[in-house]
Amino acid sequence: AQQGRVREKVYGKQKIYFADQEQLPAASDAELRGLDGEIATRSGQLQALQQSCRHMEAELKDLNSSMTTPEIAREIEALRKDCASYTEKLERIKSATNHVTPEEKEKVCREQQLYRREWRRRKRMATELLDAILEGYPKSKKQFFEEVGIETDEDHGAVLPAT
C-alpha cells in the first residue's frame, strides 16, 4: 500500500485492501465490445448446459422411479396369481347351487322395509312421548335418561338404514 500498487480504505476498525486500477492500462472500445460478445457467447453456452443438465436430471429421476425388469416380473407374477384366484372364486360363485331367487330377494326387501318403517314409527312415538315428559321436568334430558335408565340408538351406535 505504501508503494502504491495496492490501495487501502479504512472503515472504522477494519481496513480493506484492493488493487489500484489506475495503474492498469485502459481498455479500448473494441476490446470492451469483444469482451461483451464473449460474455454473451459464454452466457448462451451456460444456459444451454443448464438446460441440458435439467433435462438429464429429469430423465434420471424418471429412471430411478421406474421399476427394474426383475421387479416388473415379480409384479406380473403376483398379478397373475391374483387374477387366477379371482377367476377361481368367480367360478365357485357361478357354480353354487344355493342362489337366491328374485322372489326370495323381493320378500326379504319387503320385510326390511316393513321393519325399517316400524323402527321409525316407534322411535318417533318414543321421542314425542319423552319430549312431552321433559317439558315439565326440571333437569336436563341427559339426566332424565340416566335416572329412568333409557338407552338410545345413538348410545349404541345404531343407525337407521336409509330407504
N, C-alpha and C. Protein backbone atom coordinates (compact mmCIF):
# COMPACT_ATOMS: atom_id res chain seq x y z
N ALA A 1 0.84 -1.19 0.00
CA ALA A 1 0.00 0.00 0.00
C ALA A 1 0.88 1.25 0.00
N GLN A 2 2.01 1.19 0.69
CA GLN A 2 2.91 2.35 0.73
C GLN A 2 3.60 2.56 -0.61
N GLN A 3 3.79 1.49 -1.37
CA GLN A 3 4.43 1.60 -2.67
C GLN A 3 3.44 2.05 -3.75
N GLY A 4 2.14 2.00 -3.48
CA GLY A 4 1.14 2.48 -4.43
C GLY A 4 0.56 1.41 -5.32
N ARG A 5 0.94 0.17 -5.18
CA ARG A 5 0.39 -0.90 -6.00
C ARG A 5 -0.97 -1.36 -5.47
N VAL A 6 -1.17 -1.27 -4.20
CA VAL A 6 -2.42 -1.68 -3.56
C VAL A 6 -2.96 -0.48 -2.81
N ARG A 7 -4.28 -0.31 -2.88
CA ARG A 7 -4.88 0.83 -2.17
C ARG A 7 -5.53 0.32 -0.90
N GLU A 8 -5.68 1.21 0.04
CA GLU A 8 -6.21 0.85 1.35
C GLU A 8 -7.36 1.80 1.69
N LYS A 9 -8.47 1.20 2.23
CA LYS A 9 -9.59 2.03 2.72
C LYS A 9 -9.88 1.58 4.13
N VAL A 10 -10.13 2.53 4.99
CA VAL A 10 -10.37 2.24 6.40
C VAL A 10 -11.86 2.49 6.70
N TYR A 11 -12.51 1.46 7.26
CA TYR A 11 -13.92 1.58 7.67
C TYR A 11 -13.95 1.25 9.15
N GLY A 12 -13.93 2.24 9.99
CA GLY A 12 -13.94 2.00 11.44
C GLY A 12 -12.66 1.29 11.84
N LYS A 13 -12.79 0.09 12.40
CA LYS A 13 -11.63 -0.68 12.82
C LYS A 13 -11.11 -1.59 11.72
N GLN A 14 -11.81 -1.64 10.60
CA GLN A 14 -11.43 -2.56 9.52
C GLN A 14 -10.71 -1.80 8.41
N LYS A 15 -9.79 -2.54 7.78
CA LYS A 15 -9.08 -2.00 6.63
C LYS A 15 -9.31 -2.93 5.45
N ILE A 16 -9.57 -2.33 4.29
CA ILE A 16 -9.79 -3.12 3.09
C ILE A 16 -8.71 -2.74 2.09
N TYR A 17 -8.06 -3.77 1.49
CA TYR A 17 -7.00 -3.58 0.50
C TYR A 17 -7.51 -4.08 -0.85
N PHE A 18 -7.23 -3.33 -1.90
CA PHE A 18 -7.61 -3.73 -3.25
C PHE A 18 -6.61 -3.17 -4.24
N ALA A 19 -6.56 -3.77 -5.44
CA ALA A 19 -5.58 -3.36 -6.46
C ALA A 19 -5.90 -1.96 -6.95
N ASP A 20 -4.88 -1.18 -7.16
CA ASP A 20 -5.05 0.17 -7.69
C ASP A 20 -5.29 0.05 -9.19
N GLN A 21 -6.49 0.36 -9.61
CA GLN A 21 -6.86 0.18 -11.01
C GLN A 21 -6.36 1.31 -11.90
N GLU A 22 -5.88 2.38 -11.33
CA GLU A 22 -5.37 3.49 -12.15
C GLU A 22 -4.03 3.12 -12.79
N GLN A 23 -3.36 2.12 -12.24
CA GLN A 23 -2.09 1.69 -12.82
C GLN A 23 -2.29 0.71 -13.97
N LEU A 24 -3.50 0.14 -14.09
CA LEU A 24 -3.79 -0.80 -15.16
C LEU A 24 -4.05 -0.05 -16.46
N PRO A 25 -3.72 -0.66 -17.61
CA PRO A 25 -3.97 0.02 -18.88
C PRO A 25 -5.47 0.08 -19.17
N ALA A 26 -5.94 1.14 -19.77
CA ALA A 26 -7.35 1.29 -20.10
C ALA A 26 -7.65 0.47 -21.35
N ALA A 27 -8.80 -0.17 -21.35
CA ALA A 27 -9.21 -0.99 -22.49
C ALA A 27 -9.90 -0.11 -23.52
N SER A 28 -9.67 -0.45 -24.80
CA SER A 28 -10.29 0.33 -25.86
C SER A 28 -11.74 -0.12 -26.06
N ASP A 29 -12.50 0.66 -26.81
CA ASP A 29 -13.90 0.32 -27.08
C ASP A 29 -14.01 -1.00 -27.83
N ALA A 30 -13.08 -1.26 -28.71
CA ALA A 30 -13.10 -2.51 -29.48
C ALA A 30 -12.89 -3.70 -28.55
N GLU A 31 -11.95 -3.55 -27.62
CA GLU A 31 -11.71 -4.64 -26.66
C GLU A 31 -12.93 -4.87 -25.77
N LEU A 32 -13.58 -3.79 -25.33
CA LEU A 32 -14.78 -3.91 -24.47
C LEU A 32 -15.91 -4.59 -25.24
N ARG A 33 -16.08 -4.22 -26.53
CA ARG A 33 -17.12 -4.87 -27.33
C ARG A 33 -16.80 -6.35 -27.52
N GLY A 34 -15.53 -6.67 -27.73
CA GLY A 34 -15.12 -8.06 -27.87
C GLY A 34 -15.39 -8.84 -26.59
N LEU A 35 -15.08 -8.23 -25.46
CA LEU A 35 -15.35 -8.90 -24.18
C LEU A 35 -16.85 -9.07 -23.95
N ASP A 36 -17.64 -8.04 -24.32
CA ASP A 36 -19.10 -8.15 -24.19
C ASP A 36 -19.64 -9.28 -25.06
N GLY A 37 -19.11 -9.42 -26.27
CA GLY A 37 -19.53 -10.50 -27.16
C GLY A 37 -19.17 -11.86 -26.58
N GLU A 38 -17.97 -11.94 -26.00
CA GLU A 38 -17.55 -13.20 -25.38
C GLU A 38 -18.43 -13.54 -24.18
N ILE A 39 -18.78 -12.53 -23.41
CA ILE A 39 -19.68 -12.75 -22.26
C ILE A 39 -21.03 -13.27 -22.74
N ALA A 40 -21.56 -12.66 -23.82
CA ALA A 40 -22.86 -13.10 -24.35
C ALA A 40 -22.77 -14.54 -24.86
N THR A 41 -21.66 -14.86 -25.55
CA THR A 41 -21.48 -16.23 -26.06
C THR A 41 -21.41 -17.22 -24.91
N ARG A 42 -20.64 -16.90 -23.90
CA ARG A 42 -20.48 -17.79 -22.76
C ARG A 42 -21.80 -17.91 -21.98
N SER A 43 -22.55 -16.83 -21.89
CA SER A 43 -23.86 -16.89 -21.20
C SER A 43 -24.81 -17.82 -21.94
N GLY A 44 -24.80 -17.74 -23.27
CA GLY A 44 -25.62 -18.66 -24.07
C GLY A 44 -25.20 -20.10 -23.88
N GLN A 45 -23.88 -20.35 -23.85
CA GLN A 45 -23.39 -21.70 -23.61
C GLN A 45 -23.82 -22.19 -22.22
N LEU A 46 -23.72 -21.31 -21.24
CA LEU A 46 -24.12 -21.66 -19.87
C LEU A 46 -25.60 -22.04 -19.80
N GLN A 47 -26.45 -21.25 -20.45
CA GLN A 47 -27.88 -21.56 -20.44
C GLN A 47 -28.15 -22.89 -21.14
N ALA A 48 -27.47 -23.15 -22.25
CA ALA A 48 -27.66 -24.42 -22.96
C ALA A 48 -27.22 -25.59 -22.07
N LEU A 49 -26.10 -25.45 -21.38
CA LEU A 49 -25.62 -26.51 -20.49
C LEU A 49 -26.57 -26.71 -19.30
N GLN A 50 -27.09 -25.61 -18.75
CA GLN A 50 -28.04 -25.73 -17.64
C GLN A 50 -29.32 -26.43 -18.09
N GLN A 51 -29.80 -26.10 -19.28
CA GLN A 51 -31.00 -26.75 -19.82
C GLN A 51 -30.75 -28.24 -20.02
N SER A 52 -29.58 -28.56 -20.57
CA SER A 52 -29.22 -29.96 -20.78
C SER A 52 -29.13 -30.69 -19.44
N CYS A 53 -28.56 -30.03 -18.45
CA CYS A 53 -28.44 -30.63 -17.12
C CYS A 53 -29.82 -30.88 -16.52
N ARG A 54 -30.74 -29.93 -16.63
CA ARG A 54 -32.10 -30.11 -16.11
C ARG A 54 -32.80 -31.27 -16.81
N HIS A 55 -32.61 -31.36 -18.13
CA HIS A 55 -33.21 -32.45 -18.90
C HIS A 55 -32.67 -33.80 -18.43
N MET A 56 -31.35 -33.87 -18.24
CA MET A 56 -30.73 -35.12 -17.78
C MET A 56 -31.17 -35.48 -16.36
N GLU A 57 -31.31 -34.49 -15.49
CA GLU A 57 -31.77 -34.75 -14.12
C GLU A 57 -33.21 -35.28 -14.13
N ALA A 58 -34.06 -34.72 -14.99
CA ALA A 58 -35.44 -35.20 -15.10
C ALA A 58 -35.46 -36.64 -15.60
N GLU A 59 -34.61 -36.93 -16.58
CA GLU A 59 -34.53 -38.29 -17.11
C GLU A 59 -34.03 -39.26 -16.05
N LEU A 60 -33.05 -38.83 -15.27
CA LEU A 60 -32.52 -39.66 -14.18
C LEU A 60 -33.59 -39.93 -13.13
N LYS A 61 -34.36 -38.91 -12.81
CA LYS A 61 -35.44 -39.07 -11.83
C LYS A 61 -36.48 -40.08 -12.34
N ASP A 62 -36.83 -39.98 -13.63
CA ASP A 62 -37.79 -40.93 -14.21
C ASP A 62 -37.24 -42.35 -14.16
N LEU A 63 -35.96 -42.50 -14.50
CA LEU A 63 -35.36 -43.83 -14.50
C LEU A 63 -35.26 -44.40 -13.08
N ASN A 64 -34.96 -43.55 -12.11
CA ASN A 64 -34.86 -44.02 -10.73
C ASN A 64 -36.22 -44.41 -10.16
N SER A 65 -37.27 -43.75 -10.60
CA SER A 65 -38.59 -44.05 -10.07
C SER A 65 -39.28 -45.21 -10.79
N SER A 66 -38.77 -45.61 -11.94
CA SER A 66 -39.39 -46.73 -12.66
C SER A 66 -38.89 -48.06 -12.10
N MET A 67 -39.67 -49.10 -12.36
CA MET A 67 -39.34 -50.42 -11.85
C MET A 67 -38.27 -51.08 -12.71
N THR A 68 -37.49 -51.94 -12.07
CA THR A 68 -36.49 -52.69 -12.81
C THR A 68 -37.15 -53.92 -13.43
N THR A 69 -36.46 -54.58 -14.33
CA THR A 69 -37.02 -55.76 -15.00
C THR A 69 -37.39 -56.86 -14.01
N PRO A 70 -36.53 -57.21 -13.04
CA PRO A 70 -36.94 -58.25 -12.07
C PRO A 70 -38.15 -57.83 -11.23
N GLU A 71 -38.22 -56.54 -10.87
CA GLU A 71 -39.37 -56.07 -10.10
C GLU A 71 -40.66 -56.20 -10.92
N ILE A 72 -40.58 -55.85 -12.19
CA ILE A 72 -41.76 -55.95 -13.06
C ILE A 72 -42.18 -57.40 -13.21
N ALA A 73 -41.19 -58.30 -13.34
CA ALA A 73 -41.51 -59.72 -13.46
C ALA A 73 -42.23 -60.22 -12.21
N ARG A 74 -41.74 -59.81 -11.04
CA ARG A 74 -42.41 -60.21 -9.78
C ARG A 74 -43.82 -59.63 -9.71
N GLU A 75 -43.97 -58.38 -10.12
CA GLU A 75 -45.29 -57.74 -10.10
C GLU A 75 -46.26 -58.45 -11.04
N ILE A 76 -45.79 -58.80 -12.22
CA ILE A 76 -46.64 -59.52 -13.18
C ILE A 76 -47.05 -60.87 -12.62
N GLU A 77 -46.11 -61.57 -11.99
CA GLU A 77 -46.42 -62.88 -11.41
C GLU A 77 -47.46 -62.75 -10.30
N ALA A 78 -47.31 -61.73 -9.46
CA ALA A 78 -48.28 -61.52 -8.38
C ALA A 78 -49.66 -61.20 -8.95
N LEU A 79 -49.71 -60.38 -9.99
CA LEU A 79 -50.98 -60.04 -10.61
C LEU A 79 -51.63 -61.27 -11.27
N ARG A 80 -50.82 -62.13 -11.86
CA ARG A 80 -51.37 -63.35 -12.47
C ARG A 80 -51.96 -64.27 -11.40
N LYS A 81 -51.28 -64.36 -10.25
CA LYS A 81 -51.80 -65.19 -9.15
C LYS A 81 -53.12 -64.61 -8.64
N ASP A 82 -53.18 -63.28 -8.48
CA ASP A 82 -54.42 -62.64 -8.05
C ASP A 82 -55.54 -62.92 -9.04
N CYS A 83 -55.21 -62.78 -10.32
CA CYS A 83 -56.20 -63.00 -11.37
C CYS A 83 -56.71 -64.44 -11.33
N ALA A 84 -55.81 -65.40 -11.14
CA ALA A 84 -56.21 -66.80 -11.08
C ALA A 84 -57.10 -67.06 -9.87
N SER A 85 -56.76 -66.47 -8.73
CA SER A 85 -57.59 -66.69 -7.54
C SER A 85 -58.97 -66.05 -7.71
N TYR A 86 -59.01 -64.88 -8.33
CA TYR A 86 -60.31 -64.23 -8.56
C TYR A 86 -61.15 -65.03 -9.56
N THR A 87 -60.50 -65.58 -10.59
CA THR A 87 -61.22 -66.39 -11.57
C THR A 87 -61.79 -67.64 -10.90
N GLU A 88 -60.98 -68.25 -10.04
CA GLU A 88 -61.45 -69.44 -9.31
C GLU A 88 -62.63 -69.09 -8.40
N LYS A 89 -62.53 -67.97 -7.73
CA LYS A 89 -63.62 -67.54 -6.84
C LYS A 89 -64.89 -67.26 -7.65
N LEU A 90 -64.74 -66.64 -8.81
CA LEU A 90 -65.89 -66.36 -9.67
C LEU A 90 -66.54 -67.66 -10.14
N GLU A 91 -65.74 -68.62 -10.50
CA GLU A 91 -66.28 -69.92 -10.94
C GLU A 91 -67.03 -70.61 -9.79
N ARG A 92 -66.49 -70.53 -8.59
CA ARG A 92 -67.18 -71.13 -7.44
C ARG A 92 -68.53 -70.45 -7.20
N ILE A 93 -68.55 -69.13 -7.35
CA ILE A 93 -69.81 -68.40 -7.14
C ILE A 93 -70.81 -68.77 -8.23
N LYS A 94 -70.33 -68.85 -9.48
CA LYS A 94 -71.23 -69.18 -10.59
C LYS A 94 -71.78 -70.60 -10.48
N SER A 95 -70.96 -71.52 -9.98
CA SER A 95 -71.38 -72.91 -9.90
C SER A 95 -72.16 -73.24 -8.62
N ALA A 96 -72.28 -72.27 -7.73
CA ALA A 96 -73.01 -72.53 -6.49
C ALA A 96 -74.48 -72.80 -6.79
N THR A 97 -75.06 -73.72 -6.03
CA THR A 97 -76.45 -74.11 -6.28
C THR A 97 -77.42 -73.39 -5.35
N ASN A 98 -76.91 -72.64 -4.40
CA ASN A 98 -77.81 -72.00 -3.43
C ASN A 98 -78.03 -70.52 -3.76
N HIS A 99 -78.32 -70.25 -5.02
CA HIS A 99 -78.59 -68.87 -5.42
C HIS A 99 -79.91 -68.40 -4.83
N VAL A 100 -80.00 -67.12 -4.56
CA VAL A 100 -81.23 -66.52 -4.05
C VAL A 100 -82.10 -66.17 -5.24
N THR A 101 -83.32 -66.62 -5.21
CA THR A 101 -84.23 -66.32 -6.31
C THR A 101 -84.72 -64.89 -6.19
N PRO A 102 -85.14 -64.30 -7.30
CA PRO A 102 -85.65 -62.93 -7.24
C PRO A 102 -86.84 -62.78 -6.29
N GLU A 103 -87.67 -63.83 -6.20
CA GLU A 103 -88.84 -63.76 -5.31
C GLU A 103 -88.39 -63.70 -3.85
N GLU A 104 -87.38 -64.53 -3.49
CA GLU A 104 -86.87 -64.51 -2.13
C GLU A 104 -86.24 -63.16 -1.80
N LYS A 105 -85.51 -62.64 -2.77
CA LYS A 105 -84.86 -61.34 -2.57
C LYS A 105 -85.91 -60.25 -2.36
N GLU A 106 -86.95 -60.27 -3.16
CA GLU A 106 -88.03 -59.28 -3.04
C GLU A 106 -88.71 -59.41 -1.68
N LYS A 107 -88.94 -60.64 -1.23
CA LYS A 107 -89.58 -60.87 0.07
C LYS A 107 -88.72 -60.29 1.20
N VAL A 108 -87.41 -60.54 1.16
CA VAL A 108 -86.51 -60.01 2.19
C VAL A 108 -86.50 -58.49 2.15
N CYS A 109 -86.50 -57.89 0.96
CA CYS A 109 -86.50 -56.43 0.84
C CYS A 109 -87.79 -55.84 1.42
N ARG A 110 -88.93 -56.49 1.15
CA ARG A 110 -90.21 -56.01 1.71
C ARG A 110 -90.20 -56.09 3.23
N GLU A 111 -89.68 -57.20 3.76
CA GLU A 111 -89.61 -57.34 5.22
C GLU A 111 -88.70 -56.27 5.83
N GLN A 112 -87.58 -56.01 5.18
CA GLN A 112 -86.68 -54.99 5.70
C GLN A 112 -87.36 -53.62 5.69
N GLN A 113 -88.09 -53.32 4.62
CA GLN A 113 -88.82 -52.05 4.55
C GLN A 113 -89.84 -51.96 5.68
N LEU A 114 -90.56 -53.04 5.92
CA LEU A 114 -91.56 -53.06 6.98
C LEU A 114 -90.90 -52.80 8.33
N TYR A 115 -89.82 -53.50 8.62
CA TYR A 115 -89.14 -53.33 9.90
C TYR A 115 -88.55 -51.92 10.03
N ARG A 116 -88.02 -51.39 8.95
CA ARG A 116 -87.45 -50.04 8.98
C ARG A 116 -88.54 -49.01 9.27
N ARG A 117 -89.70 -49.17 8.60
CA ARG A 117 -90.84 -48.27 8.85
C ARG A 117 -91.30 -48.34 10.29
N GLU A 118 -91.38 -49.57 10.82
CA GLU A 118 -91.83 -49.77 12.20
C GLU A 118 -90.82 -49.15 13.17
N TRP A 119 -89.54 -49.32 12.88
CA TRP A 119 -88.49 -48.73 13.73
C TRP A 119 -88.65 -47.21 13.76
N ARG A 120 -88.83 -46.59 12.60
CA ARG A 120 -89.01 -45.13 12.55
C ARG A 120 -90.26 -44.70 13.33
N ARG A 121 -91.36 -45.43 13.12
CA ARG A 121 -92.61 -45.07 13.77
C ARG A 121 -92.46 -45.14 15.29
N ARG A 122 -91.88 -46.22 15.78
CA ARG A 122 -91.72 -46.39 17.23
C ARG A 122 -90.73 -45.38 17.80
N LYS A 123 -89.66 -45.09 17.07
CA LYS A 123 -88.69 -44.10 17.53
C LYS A 123 -89.34 -42.73 17.62
N ARG A 124 -90.16 -42.38 16.61
CA ARG A 124 -90.84 -41.09 16.62
C ARG A 124 -91.82 -41.02 17.79
N MET A 125 -92.57 -42.10 18.03
CA MET A 125 -93.53 -42.10 19.15
C MET A 125 -92.79 -41.94 20.48
N ALA A 126 -91.68 -42.67 20.66
CA ALA A 126 -90.93 -42.58 21.91
C ALA A 126 -90.35 -41.19 22.10
N THR A 127 -89.84 -40.59 21.03
CA THR A 127 -89.28 -39.24 21.11
C THR A 127 -90.34 -38.23 21.48
N GLU A 128 -91.52 -38.32 20.87
CA GLU A 128 -92.61 -37.39 21.19
C GLU A 128 -93.05 -37.55 22.64
N LEU A 129 -93.13 -38.78 23.10
CA LEU A 129 -93.53 -39.04 24.48
C LEU A 129 -92.49 -38.48 25.46
N LEU A 130 -91.21 -38.73 25.19
CA LEU A 130 -90.16 -38.23 26.07
C LEU A 130 -90.09 -36.71 26.04
N ASP A 131 -90.31 -36.10 24.89
CA ASP A 131 -90.31 -34.63 24.80
C ASP A 131 -91.45 -34.05 25.62
N ALA A 132 -92.60 -34.71 25.59
CA ALA A 132 -93.74 -34.24 26.39
C ALA A 132 -93.42 -34.34 27.88
N ILE A 133 -92.78 -35.40 28.31
CA ILE A 133 -92.41 -35.56 29.72
C ILE A 133 -91.37 -34.51 30.11
N LEU A 134 -90.41 -34.25 29.22
CA LEU A 134 -89.33 -33.33 29.53
C LEU A 134 -89.78 -31.87 29.61
N GLU A 135 -90.96 -31.55 29.07
CA GLU A 135 -91.44 -30.16 29.14
C GLU A 135 -91.61 -29.73 30.59
N GLY A 136 -92.08 -30.63 31.44
CA GLY A 136 -92.29 -30.28 32.83
C GLY A 136 -91.20 -30.79 33.74
N TYR A 137 -90.14 -31.38 33.21
CA TYR A 137 -89.08 -31.96 34.04
C TYR A 137 -88.03 -30.88 34.32
N PRO A 138 -87.61 -30.72 35.57
CA PRO A 138 -86.70 -29.62 35.91
C PRO A 138 -85.25 -29.85 35.49
N LYS A 139 -84.85 -31.07 35.26
CA LYS A 139 -83.45 -31.34 34.93
C LYS A 139 -83.28 -31.50 33.42
N SER A 140 -82.04 -31.79 33.00
CA SER A 140 -81.75 -31.92 31.57
C SER A 140 -82.21 -33.27 31.03
N LYS A 141 -82.26 -33.35 29.72
CA LYS A 141 -82.68 -34.58 29.04
C LYS A 141 -81.74 -35.72 29.38
N LYS A 142 -80.44 -35.43 29.42
CA LYS A 142 -79.43 -36.46 29.71
C LYS A 142 -79.62 -37.00 31.13
N GLN A 143 -79.87 -36.12 32.08
CA GLN A 143 -80.07 -36.55 33.46
C GLN A 143 -81.34 -37.40 33.58
N PHE A 144 -82.40 -37.01 32.87
CA PHE A 144 -83.64 -37.78 32.89
C PHE A 144 -83.41 -39.19 32.35
N PHE A 145 -82.69 -39.28 31.22
CA PHE A 145 -82.42 -40.60 30.64
C PHE A 145 -81.61 -41.47 31.59
N GLU A 146 -80.65 -40.87 32.32
CA GLU A 146 -79.86 -41.64 33.27
C GLU A 146 -80.71 -42.11 34.45
N GLU A 147 -81.58 -41.26 34.96
CA GLU A 147 -82.42 -41.62 36.12
C GLU A 147 -83.40 -42.73 35.76
N VAL A 148 -84.00 -42.64 34.58
CA VAL A 148 -85.01 -43.61 34.18
C VAL A 148 -84.35 -44.87 33.61
N GLY A 149 -83.12 -44.74 33.09
CA GLY A 149 -82.42 -45.89 32.52
C GLY A 149 -82.72 -46.09 31.04
N ILE A 150 -82.91 -45.01 30.32
CA ILE A 150 -83.22 -45.09 28.88
C ILE A 150 -81.91 -45.10 28.10
N GLU A 151 -81.81 -46.04 27.17
CA GLU A 151 -80.66 -46.11 26.27
C GLU A 151 -81.15 -45.84 24.86
N THR A 152 -80.50 -44.91 24.18
CA THR A 152 -80.93 -44.53 22.84
C THR A 152 -80.15 -45.30 21.79
N ASP A 153 -80.63 -45.23 20.54
CA ASP A 153 -79.93 -45.85 19.43
C ASP A 153 -78.52 -45.27 19.31
N GLU A 154 -78.41 -43.96 19.51
CA GLU A 154 -77.14 -43.28 19.37
C GLU A 154 -76.13 -43.76 20.41
N ASP A 155 -76.59 -44.10 21.62
CA ASP A 155 -75.70 -44.62 22.66
C ASP A 155 -75.01 -45.90 22.23
N HIS A 156 -75.69 -46.69 21.42
CA HIS A 156 -75.16 -47.99 21.00
C HIS A 156 -74.66 -47.96 19.55
N GLY A 157 -74.67 -46.79 18.93
CA GLY A 157 -74.14 -46.67 17.57
C GLY A 157 -75.06 -47.22 16.51
N ALA A 158 -76.33 -47.43 16.85
CA ALA A 158 -77.29 -47.95 15.87
C ALA A 158 -77.73 -46.81 14.96
N VAL A 159 -77.69 -47.06 13.66
CA VAL A 159 -78.09 -46.05 12.69
C VAL A 159 -79.27 -46.60 11.90
N LEU A 160 -80.27 -45.79 11.75
CA LEU A 160 -81.45 -46.18 10.99
C LEU A 160 -81.07 -46.31 9.52
N PRO A 161 -81.29 -47.47 8.89
CA PRO A 161 -80.88 -47.65 7.49
C PRO A 161 -81.64 -46.70 6.56
N ALA A 162 -80.96 -46.29 5.53
CA ALA A 162 -81.58 -45.40 4.54
C ALA A 162 -82.61 -46.19 3.71
N THR A 163 -83.56 -45.48 3.17
CA THR A 163 -84.59 -46.14 2.37
C THR A 163 -84.12 -46.41 0.98
